[in-house]
Amino acid sequence: MVQIDVSGNEKYPLTNQATTPGIKFDFSIGIQPNQYDSSGNEMTATISGGIAVFPQTEILVIRQGSQTEQLIYTHPPSGGTKTPADLATQNPDQVTTQVKIKP
């Protein structure tokens, strides 16, 4: 299994930096072979942790030997339309999900 830990507290670049709260995220991506696939081609990704309520987040993978990106996770702004101002009052959304990675 390969595990990637991602964290940060970055500011939205299109707003006044002195008053903009950080875009907070702290999540892990685990990638492992599917134990029931005898060919060894199937992989499973597990994403878990906290992802900011704004902006939208996408996680893409490219398998070794391929040049095709696969979208394995998308996190839209929660609860409808969100703006940078929502970052000041809301904690990151907690997520846990698994997805198969195509060969």
PDB file of N, CA and C in Angstrom:
ATOM      1  N   MET A   1       0.849  -1.190   0.000  1.00  0.00           N
ATOM      2  CA  MET A   1       0.000   0.000   0.000  1.00  0.00           C
ATOM      3  C   MET A   1       0.884   1.239   0.000  1.00  0.00           C
ATOM      4  N   VAL A   2       0.453   2.221  -0.750  1.00  0.00           N
ATOM      5  CA  VAL A   2       1.115   3.525  -0.774  1.00  0.00           C
ATOM      6  C   VAL A   2       0.173   4.511  -0.095  1.00  0.00           C
ATOM      7  N   GLN A   3       0.689   5.308   0.810  1.00  0.00           N
ATOM      8  CA  GLN A   3      -0.138   6.318   1.463  1.00  0.00           C
ATOM      9  C   GLN A   3       0.484   7.693   1.260  1.00  0.00           C
ATOM     10  N   ILE A   4      -0.357   8.635   0.875  1.00  0.00           N
ATOM     11  CA  ILE A   4       0.070  10.012   0.668  1.00  0.00           C
ATOM     12  C   ILE A   4      -0.710  10.880   1.639  1.00  0.00           C
ATOM     13  N   ASP A   5      -0.018  11.630   2.469  1.00  0.00           N
ATOM     14  CA  ASP A   5      -0.657  12.549   3.407  1.00  0.00           C
ATOM     15  C   ASP A   5      -0.523  13.965   2.871  1.00  0.00           C
ATOM     16  N   VAL A   6      -1.644  14.671   2.815  1.00  0.00           N
ATOM     17  CA  VAL A   6      -1.683  16.017   2.249  1.00  0.00           C
ATOM     18  C   VAL A   6      -2.288  16.956   3.294  1.00  0.00           C
ATOM     19  N   SER A   7      -1.607  18.074   3.556  1.00  0.00           N
ATOM     20  CA  SER A   7      -2.178  19.052   4.487  1.00  0.00           C
ATOM     21  C   SER A   7      -1.714  20.451   4.113  1.00  0.00           C
ATOM     22  N   GLY A   8      -2.508  21.418   4.510  1.00  0.00           N
ATOM     23  CA  GLY A   8      -2.145  22.793   4.236  1.00  0.00           C
ATOM     24  C   GLY A   8      -3.174  23.761   4.765  1.00  0.00           C
ATOM     25  N   ASN A   9      -2.824  25.015   4.659  1.00  0.00           N
ATOM     26  CA  ASN A   9      -3.687  26.102   5.091  1.00  0.00           C
ATOM     27  C   ASN A   9      -3.341  27.283   4.191  1.00  0.00           C
ATOM     28  N   GLU A  10      -3.834  27.214   2.962  1.00  0.00           N
ATOM     29  CA  GLU A  10      -3.480  28.207   1.943  1.00  0.00           C
ATOM     30  C   GLU A  10      -4.602  29.223   1.777  1.00  0.00           C
ATOM     31  N   LYS A  11      -4.235  30.431   1.363  1.00  0.00           N
ATOM     32  CA  LYS A  11      -5.235  31.476   1.160  1.00  0.00           C
ATOM     33  C   LYS A  11      -5.707  31.519  -0.290  1.00  0.00           C
ATOM     34  N   TYR A  12      -6.993  31.827  -0.455  1.00  0.00           N
ATOM     35  CA  TYR A  12      -7.574  31.981  -1.781  1.00  0.00           C
ATOM     36  C   TYR A  12      -6.897  33.181  -2.437  1.00  0.00           C
ATOM     37  N   PRO A  13      -6.238  33.002  -3.590  1.00  0.00           N
ATOM     38  CA  PRO A  13      -5.389  34.048  -4.150  1.00  0.00           C
ATOM     39  C   PRO A  13      -6.116  35.245  -4.761  1.00  0.00           C
ATOM     40  N   LEU A  14      -7.415  35.150  -4.971  1.00  0.00           N
ATOM     41  CA  LEU A  14      -8.130  36.239  -5.634  1.00  0.00           C
ATOM     42  C   LEU A  14      -8.837  37.180  -4.666  1.00  0.00           C
ATOM     43  N   THR A  15      -8.459  37.134  -3.394  1.00  0.00           N
ATOM     44  CA  THR A  15      -9.067  38.020  -2.396  1.00  0.00           C
ATOM     45  C   THR A  15      -7.974  38.765  -1.640  1.00  0.00           C
ATOM     46  N   ASN A  16      -8.392  39.734  -0.831  1.00  0.00           N
ATOM     47  CA  ASN A  16      -7.465  40.501  -0.006  1.00  0.00           C
ATOM     48  C   ASN A  16      -6.770  39.548   0.969  1.00  0.00           C
ATOM     49  N   GLN A  17      -5.466  39.385   0.850  1.00  0.00           N
ATOM     50  CA  GLN A  17      -4.712  38.420   1.655  1.00  0.00           C
ATOM     51  C   GLN A  17      -4.684  38.758   3.139  1.00  0.00           C
ATOM     52  N   ALA A  18      -4.848  40.021   3.475  1.00  0.00           N
ATOM     53  CA  ALA A  18      -4.825  40.420   4.887  1.00  0.00           C
ATOM     54  C   ALA A  18      -6.067  39.940   5.633  1.00  0.00           C
ATOM     55  N   THR A  19      -7.171  39.782   4.937  1.00  0.00           N
ATOM     56  CA  THR A  19      -8.427  39.419   5.609  1.00  0.00           C
ATOM     57  C   THR A  19      -8.968  38.049   5.201  1.00  0.00           C
ATOM     58  N   THR A  20      -8.278  37.354   4.316  1.00  0.00           N
ATOM     59  CA  THR A  20      -8.769  36.063   3.832  1.00  0.00           C
ATOM     60  C   THR A  20      -8.342  34.936   4.763  1.00  0.00           C
ATOM     61  N   PRO A  21      -9.315  34.110   5.209  1.00  0.00           N
ATOM     62  CA  PRO A  21      -8.937  32.940   6.014  1.00  0.00           C
ATOM     63  C   PRO A  21      -8.315  31.869   5.122  1.00  0.00           C
ATOM     64  N   GLY A  22      -7.646  30.927   5.730  1.00  0.00           N
ATOM     65  CA  GLY A  22      -6.985  29.875   4.979  1.00  0.00           C
ATOM     66  C   GLY A  22      -7.940  28.806   4.472  1.00  0.00           C
ATOM     67  N   ILE A  23      -7.563  28.196   3.361  1.00  0.00           N
ATOM     68  CA  ILE A  23      -8.261  27.022   2.833  1.00  0.00           C
ATOM     69  C   ILE A  23      -7.575  25.832   3.494  1.00  0.00           C
ATOM     70  N   LYS A  24      -8.254  25.218   4.466  1.00  0.00           N
ATOM     71  CA  LYS A  24      -7.626  24.175   5.276  1.00  0.00           C
ATOM     72  C   LYS A  24      -7.958  22.789   4.740  1.00  0.00           C
ATOM     73  N   PHE A  25      -6.941  21.947   4.710  1.00  0.00           N
ATOM     74  CA  PHE A  25      -7.141  20.560   4.307  1.00  0.00           C
ATOM     75  C   PHE A  25      -6.109  19.690   5.002  1.00  0.00           C
ATOM     76  N   ASP A  26      -6.512  18.498   5.351  1.00  0.00           N
ATOM     77  CA  ASP A  26      -5.644  17.522   6.009  1.00  0.00           C
ATOM     78  C   ASP A  26      -6.253  16.146   5.746  1.00  0.00           C
ATOM     79  N   PHE A  27      -5.810  15.501   4.677  1.00  0.00           N
ATOM     80  CA  PHE A  27      -6.390  14.217   4.317  1.00  0.00           C
ATOM     81  C   PHE A  27      -5.310  13.263   3.834  1.00  0.00           C
ATOM     82  N   SER A  28      -5.686  12.001   3.731  1.00  0.00           N
ATOM     83  CA  SER A  28      -4.777  10.950   3.278  1.00  0.00           C
ATOM     84  C   SER A  28      -5.385  10.241   2.082  1.00  0.00           C
ATOM     85  N   ILE A  29      -4.503   9.799   1.194  1.00  0.00           N
ATOM     86  CA  ILE A  29      -4.901   8.980   0.059  1.00  0.00           C
ATOM     87  C   ILE A  29      -4.097   7.686   0.166  1.00  0.00           C
ATOM     88  N   GLY A  30      -4.790   6.581   0.306  1.00  0.00           N
ATOM     89  CA  GLY A  30      -4.136   5.275   0.341  1.00  0.00           C
ATOM     90  C   GLY A  30      -4.438   4.540  -0.948  1.00  0.00           C
ATOM     91  N   ILE A  31      -3.432   3.972  -1.591  1.00  0.00           N
ATOM     92  CA  ILE A  31      -3.626   3.227  -2.834  1.00  0.00           C
ATOM     93  C   ILE A  31      -3.067   1.826  -2.633  1.00  0.00           C
ATOM     94  N   GLN A  32      -3.912   0.842  -2.930  1.00  0.00           N
ATOM     95  CA  GLN A  32      -3.481  -0.538  -2.731  1.00  0.00           C
ATOM     96  C   GLN A  32      -4.079  -1.438  -3.810  1.00  0.00           C
ATOM     97  N   PRO A  33      -3.406  -2.564  -4.096  1.00  0.00           N
ATOM     98  CA  PRO A  33      -3.955  -3.515  -5.055  1.00  0.00           C
ATOM     99  C   PRO A  33      -5.234  -4.131  -4.501  1.00  0.00           C
ATOM    100  N   ASN A  34      -6.156  -4.469  -5.380  1.00  0.00           N
ATOM    101  CA  ASN A  34      -7.366  -5.166  -4.985  1.00  0.00           C
ATOM    102  C   ASN A  34      -6.992  -6.620  -4.709  1.00  0.00           C
ATOM    103  N   GLN A  35      -7.173  -7.055  -3.487  1.00  0.00           N
ATOM    104  CA  GLN A  35      -6.726  -8.392  -3.093  1.00  0.00           C
ATOM    105  C   GLN A  35      -7.500  -9.518  -3.783  1.00  0.00           C
ATOM    106  N   TYR A  36      -8.652  -9.221  -4.370  1.00  0.00           N
ATOM    107  CA  TYR A  36      -9.453 -10.252  -5.025  1.00  0.00           C
ATOM    108  C   TYR A  36      -9.226 -10.313  -6.531  1.00  0.00           C
ATOM    109  N   ASP A  37      -8.343  -9.464  -7.051  1.00  0.00           N
ATOM    110  CA  ASP A  37      -8.070  -9.431  -8.488  1.00  0.00           C
ATOM    111  C   ASP A  37      -6.800 -10.219  -8.778  1.00  0.00           C
ATOM    112  N   SER A  38      -6.947 -11.375  -9.417  1.00  0.00           N
ATOM    113  CA  SER A  38      -5.780 -12.223  -9.673  1.00  0.00           C
ATOM    114  C   SER A  38      -4.846 -11.642 -10.730  1.00  0.00           C
ATOM    115  N   SER A  39      -5.328 -10.703 -11.568  1.00  0.00           N
ATOM    116  CA  SER A  39      -4.468 -10.112 -12.598  1.00  0.00           C
ATOM    117  C   SER A  39      -3.503  -9.085 -12.020  1.00  0.00           C
ATOM    118  N   GLY A  40      -3.825  -8.551 -10.849  1.00  0.00           N
ATOM    119  CA  GLY A  40      -2.968  -7.533 -10.240  1.00  0.00           C
ATOM    120  C   GLY A  40      -3.151  -6.156 -10.836  1.00  0.00           C
ATOM    121  N   ASN A  41      -4.150  -5.989 -11.712  1.00  0.00           N
ATOM    122  CA  ASN A  41      -4.364  -4.697 -12.359  1.00  0.00           C
ATOM    123  C   ASN A  41      -5.294  -3.761 -11.591  1.00  0.00           C
ATOM    124  N   GLU A  42      -6.213  -4.326 -10.817  1.00  0.00           N
ATOM    125  CA  GLU A  42      -7.161  -3.476 -10.102  1.00  0.00           C
ATOM    126  C   GLU A  42      -6.526  -2.865  -8.865  1.00  0.00           C
ATOM    127  N   MET A  43      -6.777  -1.569  -8.687  1.00  0.00           N
ATOM    128  CA  MET A  43      -6.286  -0.853  -7.516  1.00  0.00           C
ATOM    129  C   MET A  43      -7.478  -0.167  -6.850  1.00  0.00           C
ATOM    130  N   THR A  44      -7.347   0.073  -5.550  1.00  0.00           N
ATOM    131  CA  THR A  44      -8.373   0.788  -4.806  1.00  0.00           C
ATOM    132  C   THR A  44      -7.721   1.978  -4.110  1.00  0.00           C
ATOM    133  N   ALA A  45      -8.388   3.118  -4.195  1.00  0.00           N
ATOM    134  CA  ALA A  45      -7.928   4.311  -3.485  1.00  0.00           C
ATOM    135  C   ALA A  45      -8.888   4.601  -2.347  1.00  0.00           C
ATOM    136  N   THR A  46      -8.331   4.925  -1.184  1.00  0.00           N
ATOM    137  CA  THR A  46      -9.120   5.338  -0.030  1.00  0.00           C
ATOM    138  C   THR A  46      -8.736   6.765   0.301  1.00  0.00           C
ATOM    139  N   ILE A  47      -9.741   7.642   0.375  1.00  0.00           N
ATOM    140  CA  ILE A  47      -9.513   9.053   0.706  1.00  0.00           C
ATOM    141  C   ILE A  47     -10.209   9.321   2.033  1.00  0.00           C
ATOM    142  N   SER A  48      -9.477   9.893   3.005  1.00  0.00           N
ATOM    143  CA  SER A  48     -10.102  10.195   4.290  1.00  0.00           C
ATOM    144  C   SER A  48      -9.431  11.409   4.918  1.00  0.00           C
ATOM    145  N   GLY A  49     -10.243  12.183   5.628  1.00  0.00           N
ATOM    146  CA  GLY A  49      -9.734  13.351   6.333  1.00  0.00           C
ATOM    147  C   GLY A  49     -10.615  14.562   6.128  1.00  0.00           C
ATOM    148  N   GLY A  50     -10.052  15.734   6.347  1.00  0.00           N
ATOM    149  CA  GLY A  50     -10.804  16.980   6.258  1.00  0.00           C
ATOM    150  C   GLY A  50     -10.449  17.772   5.011  1.00  0.00           C
ATOM    151  N   ILE A  51     -11.487  18.219   4.291  1.00  0.00           N
ATOM    152  CA  ILE A  51     -11.300  19.010   3.076  1.00  0.00           C
ATOM    153  C   ILE A  51     -12.144  20.274   3.201  1.00  0.00           C
ATOM    154  N   ALA A  52     -11.560  21.420   2.878  1.00  0.00           N
ATOM    155  CA  ALA A  52     -12.207  22.721   3.045  1.00  0.00           C
ATOM    156  C   ALA A  52     -13.563  22.806   2.353  1.00  0.00           C
ATOM    157  N   VAL A  53     -14.452  23.638   2.921  1.00  0.00           N
ATOM    158  CA  VAL A  53     -15.787  23.825   2.358  1.00  0.00           C
ATOM    159  C   VAL A  53     -15.753  24.624   1.058  1.00  0.00           C
ATOM    160  N   PHE A  54     -14.659  25.288   0.762  1.00  0.00           N
ATOM    161  CA  PHE A  54     -14.494  26.093  -0.456  1.00  0.00           C
ATOM    162  C   PHE A  54     -13.022  26.069  -0.811  1.00  0.00           C
ATOM    163  N   PRO A  55     -12.613  26.041  -2.029  1.00  0.00           N
ATOM    164  CA  PRO A  55     -13.339  25.833  -3.280  1.00  0.00           C
ATOM    165  C   PRO A  55     -13.493  24.355  -3.557  1.00  0.00           C
ATOM    166  N   GLN A  56     -13.949  23.991  -4.752  1.00  0.00           N
ATOM    167  CA  GLN A  56     -14.072  22.589  -5.124  1.00  0.00           C
ATOM    168  C   GLN A  56     -12.687  21.957  -5.153  1.00  0.00           C
ATOM    169  N   THR A  57     -12.627  20.687  -4.751  1.00  0.00           N
ATOM    170  CA  THR A  57     -11.381  19.925  -4.733  1.00  0.00           C
ATOM    171  C   THR A  57     -11.524  18.712  -5.643  1.00  0.00           C
ATOM    172  N   GLU A  58     -10.503  18.432  -6.429  1.00  0.00           N
ATOM    173  CA  GLU A  58     -10.480  17.232  -7.253  1.00  0.00           C
ATOM    174  C   GLU A  58      -9.179  16.486  -6.992  1.00  0.00           C
ATOM    175  N   ILE A  59      -9.264  15.159  -6.977  1.00  0.00           N
ATOM    176  CA  ILE A  59      -8.084  14.317  -6.839  1.00  0.00           C
ATOM    177  C   ILE A  59      -8.016  13.442  -8.084  1.00  0.00           C
ATOM    178  N   LEU A  60      -6.888  13.532  -8.778  1.00  0.00           N
ATOM    179  CA  LEU A  60      -6.687  12.758 -10.006  1.00  0.00           C
ATOM    180  C   LEU A  60      -5.474  11.858  -9.839  1.00  0.00           C
ATOM    181  N   VAL A  61      -5.507  10.692 -10.512  1.00  0.00           N
ATOM    182  CA  VAL A  61      -4.350   9.801 -10.507  1.00  0.00           C
ATOM    183  C   VAL A  61      -3.988   9.465 -11.951  1.00  0.00           C
ATOM    184  N   ILE A  62      -2.730   9.138 -12.156  1.00  0.00           N
ATOM    185  CA  ILE A  62      -2.244   8.618 -13.429  1.00  0.00           C
ATOM    186  C   ILE A  62      -1.484   7.339 -13.105  1.00  0.00           C
ATOM    187  N   ARG A  63      -1.936   6.230 -13.636  1.00  0.00           N
ATOM    188  CA  ARG A  63      -1.258   4.962 -13.381  1.00  0.00           C
ATOM    189  C   ARG A  63       0.053   4.908 -14.133  1.00  0.00           C
ATOM    190  N   GLN A  64       1.025   4.233 -13.549  1.00  0.00           N
ATOM    191  CA  GLN A  64       2.325   4.062 -14.198  1.00  0.00           C
ATOM    192  C   GLN A  64       2.133   3.420 -15.567  1.00  0.00           C
ATOM    193  N   GLY A  65       2.790   3.970 -16.572  1.00  0.00           N
ATOM    194  CA  GLY A  65       2.687   3.459 -17.922  1.00  0.00           C
ATOM    195  C   GLY A  65       1.528   4.033 -18.716  1.00  0.00           C
ATOM    196  N   SER A  66       0.737   4.883 -18.067  1.00  0.00           N
ATOM    197  CA  SER A  66      -0.408   5.500 -18.738  1.00  0.00           C
ATOM    198  C   SER A  66      -0.205   7.008 -18.763  1.00  0.00           C
ATOM    199  N   GLN A  67      -0.883   7.672 -19.659  1.00  0.00           N
ATOM    200  CA  GLN A  67      -0.854   9.132 -19.674  1.00  0.00           C
ATOM    201  C   GLN A  67      -2.261   9.690 -19.474  1.00  0.00           C
ATOM    202  N   THR A  68      -3.176   8.825 -19.036  1.00  0.00           N
ATOM    203  CA  THR A  68      -4.562   9.212 -18.862  1.00  0.00           C
ATOM    204  C   THR A  68      -4.846   9.521 -17.396  1.00  0.00           C
ATOM    205  N   GLU A  69      -5.361  10.720 -17.149  1.00  0.00           N
ATOM    206  CA  GLU A  69      -5.761  11.091 -15.793  1.00  0.00           C
ATOM    207  C   GLU A  69      -7.098  10.440 -15.461  1.00  0.00           C
ATOM    208  N   GLN A  70      -7.224   9.976 -14.214  1.00  0.00           N
ATOM    209  CA  GLN A  70      -8.494   9.450 -13.732  1.00  0.00           C
ATOM    210  C   GLN A  70      -8.938  10.287 -12.538  1.00  0.00           C
ATOM    211  N   LEU A  71     -10.132  10.823 -12.611  1.00  0.00           N
ATOM    212  CA  LEU A  71     -10.711  11.554 -11.490  1.00  0.00           C
ATOM    213  C   LEU A  71     -11.212  10.533 -10.487  1.00  0.00           C
ATOM    214  N   ILE A  72     -10.608  10.499  -9.319  1.00  0.00           N
ATOM    215  CA  ILE A  72     -11.029   9.516  -8.324  1.00  0.00           C
ATOM    216  C   ILE A  72     -11.840  10.142  -7.202  1.00  0.00           C
ATOM    217  N   TYR A  73     -11.849  11.483  -7.124  1.00  0.00           N
ATOM    218  CA  TYR A  73     -12.632  12.124  -6.068  1.00  0.00           C
ATOM    219  C   TYR A  73     -12.888  13.578  -6.432  1.00  0.00           C
ATOM    220  N   THR A  74     -14.097  14.035  -6.163  1.00  0.00           N
ATOM    221  CA  THR A  74     -14.415  15.448  -6.296  1.00  0.00           C
ATOM    222  C   THR A  74     -15.212  15.869  -5.073  1.00  0.00           C
ATOM    223  N   HIS A  75     -14.878  17.015  -4.542  1.00  0.00           N
ATOM    224  CA  HIS A  75     -15.520  17.528  -3.331  1.00  0.00           C
ATOM    225  C   HIS A  75     -16.081  18.915  -3.651  1.00  0.00           C
ATOM    226  N   PRO A  76     -17.373  18.976  -3.996  1.00  0.00           N
ATOM    227  CA  PRO A  76     -17.949  20.288  -4.298  1.00  0.00           C
ATOM    228  C   PRO A  76     -18.094  21.107  -3.024  1.00  0.00           C
ATOM    229  N   PRO A  77     -18.161  22.429  -3.161  1.00  0.00           N
ATOM    230  CA  PRO A  77     -18.431  23.240  -1.981  1.00  0.00           C
ATOM    231  C   PRO A  77     -19.699  22.739  -1.295  1.00  0.00           C
ATOM    232  N   SER A  78     -19.630  22.480   0.019  1.00  0.00           N
ATOM    233  CA  SER A  78     -20.750  21.864   0.718  1.00  0.00           C
ATOM    234  C   SER A  78     -21.905  22.827   0.952  1.00  0.00           C
ATOM    235  N   GLY A  79     -23.095  22.265   0.961  1.00  0.00           N
ATOM    236  CA  GLY A  79     -24.287  23.039   1.294  1.00  0.00           C
ATOM    237  C   GLY A  79     -24.623  24.123   0.299  1.00  0.00           C
ATOM    238  N   GLY A  80     -24.402  23.889  -0.981  1.00  0.00           N
ATOM    239  CA  GLY A  80     -24.741  24.895  -1.981  1.00  0.00           C
ATOM    240  C   GLY A  80     -23.577  25.820  -2.265  1.00  0.00           C
ATOM    241  N   THR A  81     -23.890  27.037  -2.651  1.00  0.00           N
ATOM    242  CA  THR A  81     -22.864  27.999  -3.046  1.00  0.00           C
ATOM    243  C   THR A  81     -22.070  28.457  -1.830  1.00  0.00           C
ATOM    244  N   LYS A  82     -20.776  28.303  -1.898  1.00  0.00           N
ATOM    245  CA  LYS A  82     -19.878  28.759  -0.833  1.00  0.00           C
ATOM    246  C   LYS A  82     -18.921  29.786  -1.411  1.00  0.00           C
ATOM    247  N   THR A  83     -18.427  30.649  -0.554  1.00  0.00           N
ATOM    248  CA  THR A  83     -17.505  31.697  -0.958  1.00  0.00           C
ATOM    249  C   THR A  83     -16.308  31.671  -0.027  1.00  0.00           C
ATOM    250  N   PRO A  84     -15.253  32.434  -0.324  1.00  0.00           N
ATOM    251  CA  PRO A  84     -14.114  32.488   0.591  1.00  0.00           C
ATOM    252  C   PRO A  84     -14.503  32.925   2.009  1.00  0.00           C
ATOM    253  N   ALA A  85     -15.552  33.714   2.150  1.00  0.00           N
ATOM    254  CA  ALA A  85     -15.984  34.163   3.485  1.00  0.00           C
ATOM    255  C   ALA A  85     -16.415  32.988   4.355  1.00  0.00           C
ATOM    256  N   ASP A  86     -16.930  31.921   3.749  1.00  0.00           N
ATOM    257  CA  ASP A  86     -17.360  30.754   4.517  1.00  0.00           C
ATOM    258  C   ASP A  86     -16.192  30.036   5.193  1.00  0.00           C
ATOM    259  N   LEU A  87     -14.988  30.248   4.712  1.00  0.00           N
ATOM    260  CA  LEU A  87     -13.817  29.596   5.315  1.00  0.00           C
ATOM    261  C   LEU A  87     -13.580  30.074   6.741  1.00  0.00           C
ATOM    262  N   ALA A  88     -14.010  31.289   7.054  1.00  0.00           N
ATOM    263  CA  ALA A  88     -13.784  31.854   8.386  1.00  0.00           C
ATOM    264  C   ALA A  88     -14.698  31.239   9.438  1.00  0.00           C
ATOM    265  N   THR A  89     -15.837  30.711   9.019  1.00  0.00           N
ATOM    266  CA  THR A  89     -16.821  30.251   9.990  1.00  0.00           C
ATOM    267  C   THR A  89     -17.085  28.753   9.957  1.00  0.00           C
ATOM    268  N   GLN A  90     -16.516  28.032   9.023  1.00  0.00           N
ATOM    269  CA  GLN A  90     -16.826  26.610   8.898  1.00  0.00           C
ATOM    270  C   GLN A  90     -15.563  25.763   8.924  1.00  0.00           C
ATOM    271  N   ASN A  91     -15.646  24.653   9.629  1.00  0.00           N
ATOM    272  CA  ASN A  91     -14.547  23.700   9.665  1.00  0.00           C
ATOM    273  C   ASN A  91     -14.550  22.867   8.383  1.00  0.00           C
ATOM    274  N   PRO A  92     -13.407  22.282   8.034  1.00  0.00           N
ATOM    275  CA  PRO A  92     -13.383  21.407   6.855  1.00  0.00           C
ATOM    276  C   PRO A  92     -14.381  20.260   6.989  1.00  0.00           C
ATOM    277  N   ASP A  93     -14.945  19.841   5.865  1.00  0.00           N
ATOM    278  CA  ASP A  93     -15.828  18.672   5.841  1.00  0.00           C
ATOM    279  C   ASP A  93     -14.989  17.426   6.048  1.00  0.00           C
ATOM    280  N   GLN A  94     -15.506  16.487   6.816  1.00  0.00           N
ATOM    281  CA  GLN A  94     -14.823  15.211   7.029  1.00  0.00           C
ATOM    282  C   GLN A  94     -15.326  14.206   5.994  1.00  0.00           C
ATOM    283  N   VAL A  95     -14.408  13.560   5.309  1.00  0.00           N
ATOM    284  CA  VAL A  95     -14.774  12.605   4.257  1.00  0.00           C
ATOM    285  C   VAL A  95     -14.047  11.285   4.453  1.00  0.00           C
ATOM    286  N   THR A  96     -14.694  10.214   4.038  1.00  0.00           N
ATOM    287  CA  THR A  96     -14.074   8.888   3.949  1.00  0.00           C
ATOM    288  C   THR A  96     -14.748   8.192   2.779  1.00  0.00           C
ATOM    289  N   THR A  97     -13.978   7.764   1.806  1.00  0.00           N
ATOM    290  CA  THR A  97     -14.545   7.096   0.643  1.00  0.00           C
ATOM    291  C   THR A  97     -13.514   6.170   0.011  1.00  0.00           C
ATOM    292  N   GLN A  98     -13.990   5.178  -0.711  1.00  0.00           N
ATOM    293  CA  GLN A  98     -13.134   4.271  -1.467  1.00  0.00           C
ATOM    294  C   GLN A  98     -13.581   4.277  -2.913  1.00  0.00           C
ATOM    295  N   VAL A  99     -12.633   4.153  -3.835  1.00  0.00           N
ATOM    296  CA  VAL A  99     -12.952   4.110  -5.251  1.00  0.00           C
ATOM    297  C   VAL A  99     -11.956   3.198  -5.961  1.00  0.00           C
ATOM    298  N   LYS A 100     -12.442   2.503  -6.991  1.00  0.00           N
ATOM    299  CA  LYS A 100     -11.565   1.647  -7.784  1.00  0.00           C
ATOM    300  C   LYS A 100     -10.833   2.502  -8.815  1.00  0.00           C
ATOM    301  N   ILE A 101      -9.563   2.195  -9.036  1.00  0.00           N
ATOM    302  CA  ILE A 101      -8.752   2.864 -10.055  1.00  0.00           C
ATOM    303  C   ILE A 101      -8.703   1.930 -11.253  1.00  0.00           C
ATOM    304  N   LYS A 102      -9.081   2.437 -12.403  1.00  0.00           N
ATOM    305  CA  LYS A 102      -9.129   1.609 -13.615  1.00  0.00           C
ATOM    306  C   LYS A 102      -7.717   1.217 -14.061  1.00  0.00           C
ATOM    307  N   PRO A 103      -7.608   0.010 -14.677  1.00  0.00           N
ATOM    308  CA  PRO A 103      -6.295  -0.404 -15.199  1.00  0.00           C
ATOM    309  C   PRO A 103      -5.833   0.490 -16.330  1.00  0.00           C
TER     310      PRO A 103
END
